Amino acid sequence: MILDLKELSSVDRQNYLQYAIAPRPVCFASTIDGAGQVNLSPFSFFNMFSSTPPILIFSPARRVRDNTTKHTLHNVLEVPEVVINIVDYAMVQQVSLASCEYPKEANEFMKAGFTEEAATLVRPPMVKESKVKIECRVLEVKPLGEQGGAGNLVICEALRMHVDDTILDEKKMIDQHRLHHIARLGGNWYCRVDEHNLFLVEKPNIRLGIGVDALPGAIRNSRILSGNDLGQLANVHETPSVDPSFHDEKLKNIFQYYSVNPEEMEKELHSYAKELLAGGKVNAAWQVLLALN
């Protein structure tokens, strides 16, 4: 299916984009107007765009339904300050409740059952229950259009973070296992980050990976190894050579039982390498794959 976005209705365009471009982190924004009326609302059009300077951007879009704008947008135009409270699983249902279109005079802190906590540099209050609160100065509000669904980029400079000690490791850094982020998908769908779905991907830094194109043909064209498997193998900084000291009992057994059938032996070696790669044992997987040489 090919979709020309200009030909879709606003509702369908929003639906396809929000289902496809996900998961999206949630900005739980507390703002205040010139009269001191507080507003608290979540936005999934949100992310970090720079660390130096520390810039966060979220977008209170015009409502697709009737092209109205949100109290958050009005507030940051009156008082260019915001606290971005990071949402975790323990508070997601209350956060969803705060997204209700209450009248301007309503206090979403009270409606959703959250506790106001005074910020230290800006006027809007923080959400006490959030494990990470970021006090921000609004640098610019950039409208992207005037139709329903048009975003309004609220460009914020992060000034001060408040981090709950319970999510810190022994080095006083945020432990990803302890902060159970949530993120928005399409429609009413969310996802939760926890120890059951976390995984590590080794990130290339200064030294370059050899690349998939540099893998030996028998490996690159394997019917067993997936694209993810090849990506792991190709992330080494130089093509490994056979290590005479490498010993593996399963490898020994594969050679013993399949030596009379080279095609089956290659299949078994690739299957075993795939198993090793699933466990993050890239060097061992390379040695298994090189065993045919």
C-alpha atoms as a PDB file:
ATOM      1  CA  MET A   1       0.000   0.000   0.000  1.00  0.00           C
ATOM      2  CA  ILE A   2       1.234   3.470  -0.912  1.00  0.00           C
ATOM      3  CA  LEU A   3      -0.278   6.488   0.837  1.00  0.00           C
ATOM      4  CA  ASP A   4      -0.156  10.019  -0.510  1.00  0.00           C
ATOM      5  CA  LEU A   5      -0.524  11.942   2.750  1.00  0.00           C
ATOM      6  CA  LYS A   6      -1.950  15.012   1.054  1.00  0.00           C
ATOM      7  CA  GLU A   7      -4.925  12.972  -0.140  1.00  0.00           C
ATOM      8  CA  LEU A   8      -5.833  11.601   3.288  1.00  0.00           C
ATOM      9  CA  SER A   9      -8.269  13.201   5.687  1.00  0.00           C
ATOM     10  CA  SER A  10      -6.737  14.818   8.761  1.00  0.00           C
ATOM     11  CA  VAL A  11      -8.039  11.982  10.931  1.00  0.00           C
ATOM     12  CA  ASP A  12      -6.622   9.215   8.718  1.00  0.00           C
ATOM     13  CA  ARG A  13      -3.314  11.009   8.277  1.00  0.00           C
ATOM     14  CA  GLN A  14      -2.948  11.369  12.037  1.00  0.00           C
ATOM     15  CA  ASN A  15      -3.897   7.722  12.535  1.00  0.00           C
ATOM     16  CA  TYR A  16      -1.339   6.317  10.094  1.00  0.00           C
ATOM     17  CA  LEU A  17       1.460   8.564  11.329  1.00  0.00           C
ATOM     18  CA  GLN A  18       0.877   7.962  15.041  1.00  0.00           C
ATOM     19  CA  TYR A  19       0.701   4.198  14.613  1.00  0.00           C
ATOM     20  CA  ALA A  20       3.854   4.119  12.472  1.00  0.00           C
ATOM     21  CA  ILE A  21       6.041   6.671  14.250  1.00  0.00           C
ATOM     22  CA  ALA A  22       6.274   5.089  17.664  1.00  0.00           C
ATOM     23  CA  PRO A  23       7.055   4.596  20.463  1.00  0.00           C
ATOM     24  CA  ARG A  24       7.047   8.259  21.440  1.00  0.00           C
ATOM     25  CA  PRO A  25       8.173   9.488  24.891  1.00  0.00           C
ATOM     26  CA  VAL A  26       5.624  11.478  26.840  1.00  0.00           C
ATOM     27  CA  CYS A  27       6.179  15.052  28.020  1.00  0.00           C
ATOM     28  CA  PHE A  28       3.994  15.713  31.069  1.00  0.00           C
ATOM     29  CA  ALA A  29       4.032  19.506  30.984  1.00  0.00           C
ATOM     30  CA  SER A  30       3.093  21.741  33.868  1.00  0.00           C
ATOM     31  CA  THR A  31       2.562  25.379  32.925  1.00  0.00           C
ATOM     32  CA  ILE A  32       1.013  28.498  34.394  1.00  0.00           C
ATOM     33  CA  ASP A  33      -0.767  31.535  32.973  1.00  0.00           C
ATOM     34  CA  GLY A  34      -0.290  35.186  33.849  1.00  0.00           C
ATOM     35  CA  ALA A  35      -2.972  35.004  36.546  1.00  0.00           C
ATOM     36  CA  GLY A  36      -1.325  32.038  38.253  1.00  0.00           C
ATOM     37  CA  GLN A  37      -3.728  29.327  36.967  1.00  0.00           C
ATOM     38  CA  VAL A  38      -1.849  26.022  36.684  1.00  0.00           C
ATOM     39  CA  ASN A  39      -2.287  23.514  33.856  1.00  0.00           C
ATOM     40  CA  LEU A  40      -0.947  19.952  33.587  1.00  0.00           C
ATOM     41  CA  SER A  41      -1.126  18.004  30.338  1.00  0.00           C
ATOM     42  CA  PRO A  42       0.700  15.174  28.498  1.00  0.00           C
ATOM     43  CA  PHE A  43       2.135  15.403  24.971  1.00  0.00           C
ATOM     44  CA  SER A  44       3.671  12.571  22.967  1.00  0.00           C
ATOM     45  CA  PHE A  45       5.054  14.851  20.258  1.00  0.00           C
ATOM     46  CA  PHE A  46       8.186  15.303  22.367  1.00  0.00           C
ATOM     47  CA  ASN A  47      11.901  14.601  22.461  1.00  0.00           C
ATOM     48  CA  MET A  48      15.399  15.889  23.206  1.00  0.00           C
ATOM     49  CA  PHE A  49      17.149  17.638  20.332  1.00  0.00           C
ATOM     50  CA  SER A  50      20.407  18.921  21.811  1.00  0.00           C
ATOM     51  CA  SER A  51      22.479  18.347  24.925  1.00  0.00           C
ATOM     52  CA  THR A  52      24.703  21.444  24.585  1.00  0.00           C
ATOM     53  CA  PRO A  53      22.705  23.590  24.886  1.00  0.00           C
ATOM     54  CA  PRO A  54      20.139  21.230  26.479  1.00  0.00           C
ATOM     55  CA  ILE A  55      17.084  21.659  24.253  1.00  0.00           C
ATOM     56  CA  LEU A  56      13.782  19.802  24.589  1.00  0.00           C
ATOM     57  CA  ILE A  57      10.846  20.296  22.224  1.00  0.00           C
ATOM     58  CA  PHE A  58       7.214  19.318  22.610  1.00  0.00           C
ATOM     59  CA  SER A  59       4.248  20.190  20.443  1.00  0.00           C
ATOM     60  CA  PRO A  60       0.716  20.981  21.664  1.00  0.00           C
ATOM     61  CA  ALA A  61      -0.931  20.473  18.280  1.00  0.00           C
ATOM     62  CA  ARG A  62      -4.199  22.013  17.216  1.00  0.00           C
ATOM     63  CA  ARG A  63      -7.037  19.562  17.746  1.00  0.00           C
ATOM     64  CA  VAL A  64      -7.907  17.698  14.558  1.00  0.00           C
ATOM     65  CA  ARG A  65     -11.552  17.558  15.600  1.00  0.00           C
ATOM     66  CA  ASP A  66     -12.314  21.281  15.763  1.00  0.00           C
ATOM     67  CA  ASN A  67      -8.997  23.142  15.270  1.00  0.00           C
ATOM     68  CA  THR A  68      -9.006  24.516  18.819  1.00  0.00           C
ATOM     69  CA  THR A  69      -5.782  25.076  20.755  1.00  0.00           C
ATOM     70  CA  LYS A  70      -4.756  23.849  24.185  1.00  0.00           C
ATOM     71  CA  HIS A  71      -4.362  25.665  27.478  1.00  0.00           C
ATOM     72  CA  THR A  72      -0.705  24.635  27.594  1.00  0.00           C
ATOM     73  CA  LEU A  73      -0.012  26.565  24.402  1.00  0.00           C
ATOM     74  CA  HIS A  74      -1.752  29.677  25.727  1.00  0.00           C
ATOM     75  CA  ASN A  75       0.168  29.435  29.003  1.00  0.00           C
ATOM     76  CA  VAL A  76       3.669  29.199  27.534  1.00  0.00           C
ATOM     77  CA  LEU A  77       2.882  32.210  25.353  1.00  0.00           C
ATOM     78  CA  GLU A  78       1.913  34.177  28.495  1.00  0.00           C
ATOM     79  CA  VAL A  79       4.554  32.754  30.864  1.00  0.00           C
ATOM     80  CA  PRO A  80       7.434  31.198  28.873  1.00  0.00           C
ATOM     81  CA  GLU A  81       8.328  28.568  31.459  1.00  0.00           C
ATOM     82  CA  VAL A  82       7.469  24.878  31.830  1.00  0.00           C
ATOM     83  CA  VAL A  83       8.321  21.864  33.930  1.00  0.00           C
ATOM     84  CA  ILE A  84       8.636  18.656  31.917  1.00  0.00           C
ATOM     85  CA  ASN A  85       7.824  15.752  34.213  1.00  0.00           C
ATOM     86  CA  ILE A  86       8.936  12.351  32.928  1.00  0.00           C
ATOM     87  CA  VAL A  87       6.207   9.697  32.992  1.00  0.00           C
ATOM     88  CA  ASP A  88       6.770   6.169  34.270  1.00  0.00           C
ATOM     89  CA  TYR A  89       4.434   3.176  34.433  1.00  0.00           C
ATOM     90  CA  ALA A  90       3.386   3.855  38.031  1.00  0.00           C
ATOM     91  CA  MET A  91       1.635   7.067  36.986  1.00  0.00           C
ATOM     92  CA  VAL A  92       0.430   6.376  33.427  1.00  0.00           C
ATOM     93  CA  GLN A  93      -3.290   6.040  34.221  1.00  0.00           C
ATOM     94  CA  GLN A  94      -3.319   9.330  36.118  1.00  0.00           C
ATOM     95  CA  VAL A  95      -1.404  11.000  33.291  1.00  0.00           C
ATOM     96  CA  SER A  96      -4.051   9.823  30.831  1.00  0.00           C
ATOM     97  CA  LEU A  97      -6.733  11.273  33.099  1.00  0.00           C
ATOM     98  CA  ALA A  98      -4.951  14.635  33.063  1.00  0.00           C
ATOM     99  CA  SER A  99      -5.349  14.719  29.266  1.00  0.00           C
ATOM    100  CA  CYS A 100      -9.112  15.233  29.642  1.00  0.00           C
ATOM    101  CA  GLU A 101     -10.305  18.561  28.244  1.00  0.00           C
ATOM    102  CA  TYR A 102     -11.193  20.138  31.575  1.00  0.00           C
ATOM    103  CA  PRO A 103     -12.207  23.814  31.614  1.00  0.00           C
ATOM    104  CA  LYS A 104      -9.418  26.321  32.075  1.00  0.00           C
ATOM    105  CA  GLU A 105     -10.272  26.970  35.717  1.00  0.00           C
ATOM    106  CA  ALA A 106      -9.848  23.267  36.600  1.00  0.00           C
ATOM    107  CA  ASN A 107      -6.603  22.133  38.209  1.00  0.00           C
ATOM    108  CA  GLU A 108      -5.393  18.917  36.556  1.00  0.00           C
ATOM    109  CA  PHE A 109      -3.130  18.207  39.523  1.00  0.00           C
ATOM    110  CA  MET A 110      -6.241  17.778  41.621  1.00  0.00           C
ATOM    111  CA  LYS A 111      -8.304  16.065  38.911  1.00  0.00           C
ATOM    112  CA  ALA A 112      -5.617  13.455  38.262  1.00  0.00           C
ATOM    113  CA  GLY A 113      -4.570  13.086  41.903  1.00  0.00           C
ATOM    114  CA  PHE A 114      -1.033  14.453  41.613  1.00  0.00           C
ATOM    115  CA  THR A 115       0.839  16.578  44.148  1.00  0.00           C
ATOM    116  CA  GLU A 116       2.150  20.034  43.319  1.00  0.00           C
ATOM    117  CA  GLU A 117       5.767  20.589  44.292  1.00  0.00           C
ATOM    118  CA  ALA A 118       7.365  24.025  44.028  1.00  0.00           C
ATOM    119  CA  ALA A 119      10.010  24.366  41.343  1.00  0.00           C
ATOM    120  CA  THR A 120      13.243  26.203  42.129  1.00  0.00           C
ATOM    121  CA  LEU A 121      13.835  28.297  39.006  1.00  0.00           C
ATOM    122  CA  VAL A 122      10.466  28.591  37.234  1.00  0.00           C
ATOM    123  CA  ARG A 123       6.899  29.433  38.244  1.00  0.00           C
ATOM    124  CA  PRO A 124       5.001  26.280  37.191  1.00  0.00           C
ATOM    125  CA  PRO A 125       4.972  23.546  39.849  1.00  0.00           C
ATOM    126  CA  MET A 126       6.553  20.135  39.463  1.00  0.00           C
ATOM    127  CA  VAL A 127       4.740  16.800  39.754  1.00  0.00           C
ATOM    128  CA  LYS A 128       6.021  15.322  42.995  1.00  0.00           C
ATOM    129  CA  GLU A 129       5.219  11.750  41.908  1.00  0.00           C
ATOM    130  CA  SER A 130       7.431  11.992  38.795  1.00  0.00           C
ATOM    131  CA  LYS A 131      10.912  10.515  39.287  1.00  0.00           C
ATOM    132  CA  VAL A 132      12.523  13.027  36.900  1.00  0.00           C
ATOM    133  CA  LYS A 133      11.471  16.667  36.706  1.00  0.00           C
ATOM    134  CA  ILE A 134      13.110  19.152  34.331  1.00  0.00           C
ATOM    135  CA  GLU A 135      12.675  22.875  34.852  1.00  0.00           C
ATOM    136  CA  CYS A 136      12.753  24.703  31.517  1.00  0.00           C
ATOM    137  CA  ARG A 137      12.742  28.162  30.007  1.00  0.00           C
ATOM    138  CA  VAL A 138      10.725  28.470  26.787  1.00  0.00           C
ATOM    139  CA  LEU A 139      12.934  29.990  24.091  1.00  0.00           C
ATOM    140  CA  GLU A 140      10.484  30.015  21.203  1.00  0.00           C
ATOM    141  CA  VAL A 141       7.042  28.820  20.158  1.00  0.00           C
ATOM    142  CA  LYS A 142       6.980  28.019  16.455  1.00  0.00           C
ATOM    143  CA  PRO A 143       3.553  27.444  14.831  1.00  0.00           C
ATOM    144  CA  LEU A 144       3.611  24.919  11.981  1.00  0.00           C
ATOM    145  CA  GLY A 145       0.218  25.762  10.502  1.00  0.00           C
ATOM    146  CA  GLU A 146      -3.309  26.940  11.160  1.00  0.00           C
ATOM    147  CA  GLN A 147      -5.325  23.824  10.348  1.00  0.00           C
ATOM    148  CA  GLY A 148      -6.455  21.089  12.716  1.00  0.00           C
ATOM    149  CA  GLY A 149      -3.502  18.816  13.474  1.00  0.00           C
ATOM    150  CA  ALA A 150      -0.915  21.550  13.011  1.00  0.00           C
ATOM    151  CA  GLY A 151       1.810  21.475  15.630  1.00  0.00           C
ATOM    152  CA  ASN A 152       3.216  24.296  17.712  1.00  0.00           C
ATOM    153  CA  LEU A 153       6.826  23.591  18.578  1.00  0.00           C
ATOM    154  CA  VAL A 154       7.585  24.683  22.138  1.00  0.00           C
ATOM    155  CA  ILE A 155      11.379  24.930  22.145  1.00  0.00           C
ATOM    156  CA  CYS A 156      12.680  24.726  25.702  1.00  0.00           C
ATOM    157  CA  GLU A 157      16.053  25.136  27.346  1.00  0.00           C
ATOM    158  CA  ALA A 158      16.430  22.665  30.207  1.00  0.00           C
ATOM    159  CA  LEU A 159      17.755  24.488  33.265  1.00  0.00           C
ATOM    160  CA  ARG A 160      17.655  22.047  36.171  1.00  0.00           C
ATOM    161  CA  MET A 161      16.824  18.366  36.664  1.00  0.00           C
ATOM    162  CA  HIS A 162      15.417  16.762  39.790  1.00  0.00           C
ATOM    163  CA  VAL A 163      16.131  13.022  39.879  1.00  0.00           C
ATOM    164  CA  ASP A 164      14.719  10.619  42.462  1.00  0.00           C
ATOM    165  CA  ASP A 165      17.467   8.747  44.319  1.00  0.00           C
ATOM    166  CA  THR A 166      15.598   5.456  43.904  1.00  0.00           C
ATOM    167  CA  ILE A 167      16.397   5.295  40.177  1.00  0.00           C
ATOM    168  CA  LEU A 168      20.137   5.984  40.571  1.00  0.00           C
ATOM    169  CA  ASP A 169      22.886   3.367  40.470  1.00  0.00           C
ATOM    170  CA  GLU A 170      26.003   3.278  42.643  1.00  0.00           C
ATOM    171  CA  LYS A 171      27.651   5.883  40.389  1.00  0.00           C
ATOM    172  CA  LYS A 172      24.714   8.280  40.829  1.00  0.00           C
ATOM    173  CA  MET A 173      23.671   7.768  37.200  1.00  0.00           C
ATOM    174  CA  ILE A 174      20.127   6.902  36.100  1.00  0.00           C
ATOM    175  CA  ASP A 175      19.696   3.123  36.003  1.00  0.00           C
ATOM    176  CA  GLN A 176      17.528   2.232  33.007  1.00  0.00           C
ATOM    177  CA  HIS A 177      16.284  -0.851  34.860  1.00  0.00           C
ATOM    178  CA  ARG A 178      14.788   1.305  37.622  1.00  0.00           C
ATOM    179  CA  LEU A 179      12.995   3.951  35.558  1.00  0.00           C
ATOM    180  CA  HIS A 180      10.093   2.200  33.868  1.00  0.00           C
ATOM    181  CA  HIS A 181       9.434   4.622  31.028  1.00  0.00           C
ATOM    182  CA  ILE A 182       6.192   4.470  29.106  1.00  0.00           C
ATOM    183  CA  ALA A 183       5.652   5.611  25.536  1.00  0.00           C
ATOM    184  CA  ARG A 184       2.720   6.319  23.255  1.00  0.00           C
ATOM    185  CA  LEU A 185       1.873   4.232  20.238  1.00  0.00           C
ATOM    186  CA  GLY A 186      -1.175   4.657  18.002  1.00  0.00           C
ATOM    187  CA  GLY A 187      -4.730   5.093  19.277  1.00  0.00           C
ATOM    188  CA  ASN A 188      -5.045   4.007  22.905  1.00  0.00           C
ATOM    189  CA  TRP A 189      -1.902   1.861  22.804  1.00  0.00           C
ATOM    190  CA  TYR A 190       1.117   2.410  25.048  1.00  0.00           C
ATOM    191  CA  CYS A 191       4.252   0.427  25.759  1.00  0.00           C
ATOM    192  CA  ARG A 192       6.255  -0.038  28.945  1.00  0.00           C
ATOM    193  CA  VAL A 193      10.035  -0.237  29.279  1.00  0.00           C
ATOM    194  CA  ASP A 194      11.212  -2.671  31.943  1.00  0.00           C
ATOM    195  CA  GLU A 195      13.756  -5.427  32.548  1.00  0.00           C
ATOM    196  CA  HIS A 196      11.739  -7.867  30.419  1.00  0.00           C
ATOM    197  CA  ASN A 197      12.134  -5.902  27.183  1.00  0.00           C
ATOM    198  CA  LEU A 198      15.424  -4.048  27.663  1.00  0.00           C
ATOM    199  CA  PHE A 199      18.356  -5.124  25.510  1.00  0.00           C
ATOM    200  CA  LEU A 200      21.808  -3.782  24.728  1.00  0.00           C
ATOM    201  CA  VAL A 201      23.145  -2.854  21.298  1.00  0.00           C
ATOM    202  CA  GLU A 202      26.853  -2.148  21.120  1.00  0.00           C
ATOM    203  CA  LYS A 203      27.237   1.335  19.677  1.00  0.00           C
ATOM    204  CA  PRO A 204      30.089   2.090  17.255  1.00  0.00           C
ATOM    205  CA  ASN A 205      32.083   5.039  18.506  1.00  0.00           C
ATOM    206  CA  ILE A 206      35.434   6.234  17.157  1.00  0.00           C
ATOM    207  CA  ARG A 207      36.443   2.935  15.568  1.00  0.00           C
ATOM    208  CA  LEU A 208      34.445   1.872  12.526  1.00  0.00           C
ATOM    209  CA  GLY A 209      32.749  -1.486  12.086  1.00  0.00           C
ATOM    210  CA  ILE A 210      33.916  -3.432   9.041  1.00  0.00           C
ATOM    211  CA  GLY A 211      30.411  -3.362   7.546  1.00  0.00           C
ATOM    212  CA  VAL A 212      28.170  -6.109   6.175  1.00  0.00           C
ATOM    213  CA  ASP A 213      29.760  -5.733   2.750  1.00  0.00           C
ATOM    214  CA  ALA A 214      33.100  -6.865   4.219  1.00  0.00           C
ATOM    215  CA  LEU A 215      31.739 -10.121   5.633  1.00  0.00           C
ATOM    216  CA  PRO A 216      32.805 -13.341   3.881  1.00  0.00           C
ATOM    217  CA  GLY A 217      30.263 -14.348   1.255  1.00  0.00           C
ATOM    218  CA  ALA A 218      29.237 -17.547   3.041  1.00  0.00           C
ATOM    219  CA  ILE A 219      28.326 -15.486   6.103  1.00  0.00           C
ATOM    220  CA  ARG A 220      26.798 -12.517   4.278  1.00  0.00           C
ATOM    221  CA  ASN A 221      24.548 -14.784   2.193  1.00  0.00           C
ATOM    222  CA  SER A 222      23.600 -17.131   5.023  1.00  0.00           C
ATOM    223  CA  ARG A 223      20.053 -18.475   5.040  1.00  0.00           C
ATOM    224  CA  ILE A 224      20.232 -18.825   8.817  1.00  0.00           C
ATOM    225  CA  LEU A 225      21.694 -15.536  10.008  1.00  0.00           C
ATOM    226  CA  SER A 226      19.338 -12.539  10.106  1.00  0.00           C
ATOM    227  CA  GLY A 227      20.075  -8.915   9.336  1.00  0.00           C
ATOM    228  CA  ASN A 228      20.487  -8.262  13.058  1.00  0.00           C
ATOM    229  CA  ASP A 229      22.970 -11.151  13.274  1.00  0.00           C
ATOM    230  CA  LEU A 230      24.980  -9.772  10.357  1.00  0.00           C
ATOM    231  CA  GLY A 231      24.914  -6.322  11.940  1.00  0.00           C
ATOM    232  CA  GLN A 232      26.522  -7.705  15.104  1.00  0.00           C
ATOM    233  CA  LEU A 233      29.188  -9.579  13.167  1.00  0.00           C
ATOM    234  CA  ALA A 234      29.929  -6.535  11.000  1.00  0.00           C
ATOM    235  CA  ASN A 235      30.356  -4.231  13.997  1.00  0.00           C
ATOM    236  CA  VAL A 236      33.844  -5.581  14.775  1.00  0.00           C
ATOM    237  CA  HIS A 237      36.698  -3.202  13.985  1.00  0.00           C
ATOM    238  CA  GLU A 238      38.667  -5.709  11.934  1.00  0.00           C
ATOM    239  CA  THR A 239      37.887  -9.120  10.474  1.00  0.00           C
ATOM    240  CA  PRO A 240      38.760 -11.706  13.131  1.00  0.00           C
ATOM    241  CA  SER A 241      41.150 -14.563  12.431  1.00  0.00           C
ATOM    242  CA  VAL A 242      41.000 -18.123  13.699  1.00  0.00           C
ATOM    243  CA  ASP A 243      42.044 -18.345  17.350  1.00  0.00           C
ATOM    244  CA  PRO A 244      43.864 -21.680  17.874  1.00  0.00           C
ATOM    245  CA  SER A 245      43.163 -21.478  21.608  1.00  0.00           C
ATOM    246  CA  PHE A 246      39.385 -21.283  21.145  1.00  0.00           C
ATOM    247  CA  HIS A 247      37.695 -24.402  22.485  1.00  0.00           C
ATOM    248  CA  ASP A 248      33.990 -25.124  22.452  1.00  0.00           C
ATOM    249  CA  GLU A 249      32.486 -28.532  23.151  1.00  0.00           C
ATOM    250  CA  LYS A 250      29.401 -27.956  21.005  1.00  0.00           C
ATOM    251  CA  LEU A 251      31.567 -26.882  18.085  1.00  0.00           C
ATOM    252  CA  LYS A 252      33.579 -30.053  18.503  1.00  0.00           C
ATOM    253  CA  ASN A 253      30.394 -32.135  18.416  1.00  0.00           C
ATOM    254  CA  ILE A 254      29.165 -30.405  15.252  1.00  0.00           C
ATOM    255  CA  PHE A 255      32.382 -31.316  13.474  1.00  0.00           C
ATOM    256  CA  GLN A 256      32.172 -34.851  14.772  1.00  0.00           C
ATOM    257  CA  TYR A 257      28.591 -35.514  13.633  1.00  0.00           C
ATOM    258  CA  TYR A 258      28.361 -33.464  10.418  1.00  0.00           C
ATOM    259  CA  SER A 259      31.851 -33.665   8.914  1.00  0.00           C
ATOM    260  CA  VAL A 260      30.659 -36.051   6.175  1.00  0.00           C
ATOM    261  CA  ASN A 261      28.041 -33.546   5.017  1.00  0.00           C
ATOM    262  CA  PRO A 262      29.569 -30.052   4.547  1.00  0.00           C
ATOM    263  CA  GLU A 263      26.221 -28.446   3.699  1.00  0.00           C
ATOM    264  CA  GLU A 264      24.577 -29.700   6.900  1.00  0.00           C
ATOM    265  CA  MET A 265      27.648 -28.783   8.898  1.00  0.00           C
ATOM    266  CA  GLU A 266      27.532 -25.198   7.628  1.00  0.00           C
ATOM    267  CA  LYS A 267      23.841 -25.030   8.551  1.00  0.00           C
ATOM    268  CA  GLU A 268      24.596 -26.273  12.072  1.00  0.00           C
ATOM    269  CA  LEU A 269      27.515 -23.870  12.488  1.00  0.00           C
ATOM    270  CA  HIS A 270      25.412 -20.913  11.386  1.00  0.00           C
ATOM    271  CA  SER A 271      22.594 -21.987  13.706  1.00  0.00           C
ATOM    272  CA  TYR A 272      25.017 -22.234  16.612  1.00  0.00           C
ATOM    273  CA  ALA A 273      26.546 -18.852  15.747  1.00  0.00           C
ATOM    274  CA  LYS A 274      23.052 -17.365  15.718  1.00  0.00           C
ATOM    275  CA  GLU A 275      22.467 -18.772  19.210  1.00  0.00           C
ATOM    276  CA  LEU A 276      25.726 -17.242  20.443  1.00  0.00           C
ATOM    277  CA  LEU A 277      24.874 -13.873  18.913  1.00  0.00           C
ATOM    278  CA  ALA A 278      21.511 -13.894  20.689  1.00  0.00           C
ATOM    279  CA  GLY A 279      23.509 -14.076  23.909  1.00  0.00           C
ATOM    280  CA  GLY A 280      25.829 -11.234  22.865  1.00  0.00           C
ATOM    281  CA  LYS A 281      28.816 -13.563  22.336  1.00  0.00           C
ATOM    282  CA  VAL A 282      30.094 -12.001  19.133  1.00  0.00           C
ATOM    283  CA  ASN A 283      33.707 -13.178  19.387  1.00  0.00           C
ATOM    284  CA  ALA A 284      32.634 -16.786  19.987  1.00  0.00           C
ATOM    285  CA  ALA A 285      30.193 -16.594  17.064  1.00  0.00           C
ATOM    286  CA  TRP A 286      33.002 -15.435  14.798  1.00  0.00           C
ATOM    287  CA  GLN A 287      35.177 -18.361  15.868  1.00  0.00           C
ATOM    288  CA  VAL A 288      32.361 -20.802  15.128  1.00  0.00           C
ATOM    289  CA  LEU A 289      31.808 -19.289  11.691  1.00  0.00           C
ATOM    290  CA  LEU A 290      35.523 -19.290  10.920  1.00  0.00           C
ATOM    291  CA  ALA A 291      35.768 -22.980  11.792  1.00  0.00           C
ATOM    292  CA  LEU A 292      34.929 -23.903   8.178  1.00  0.00           C
ATOM    293  CA  ASN A 293      38.018 -22.116   6.864  1.00  0.00           C
END
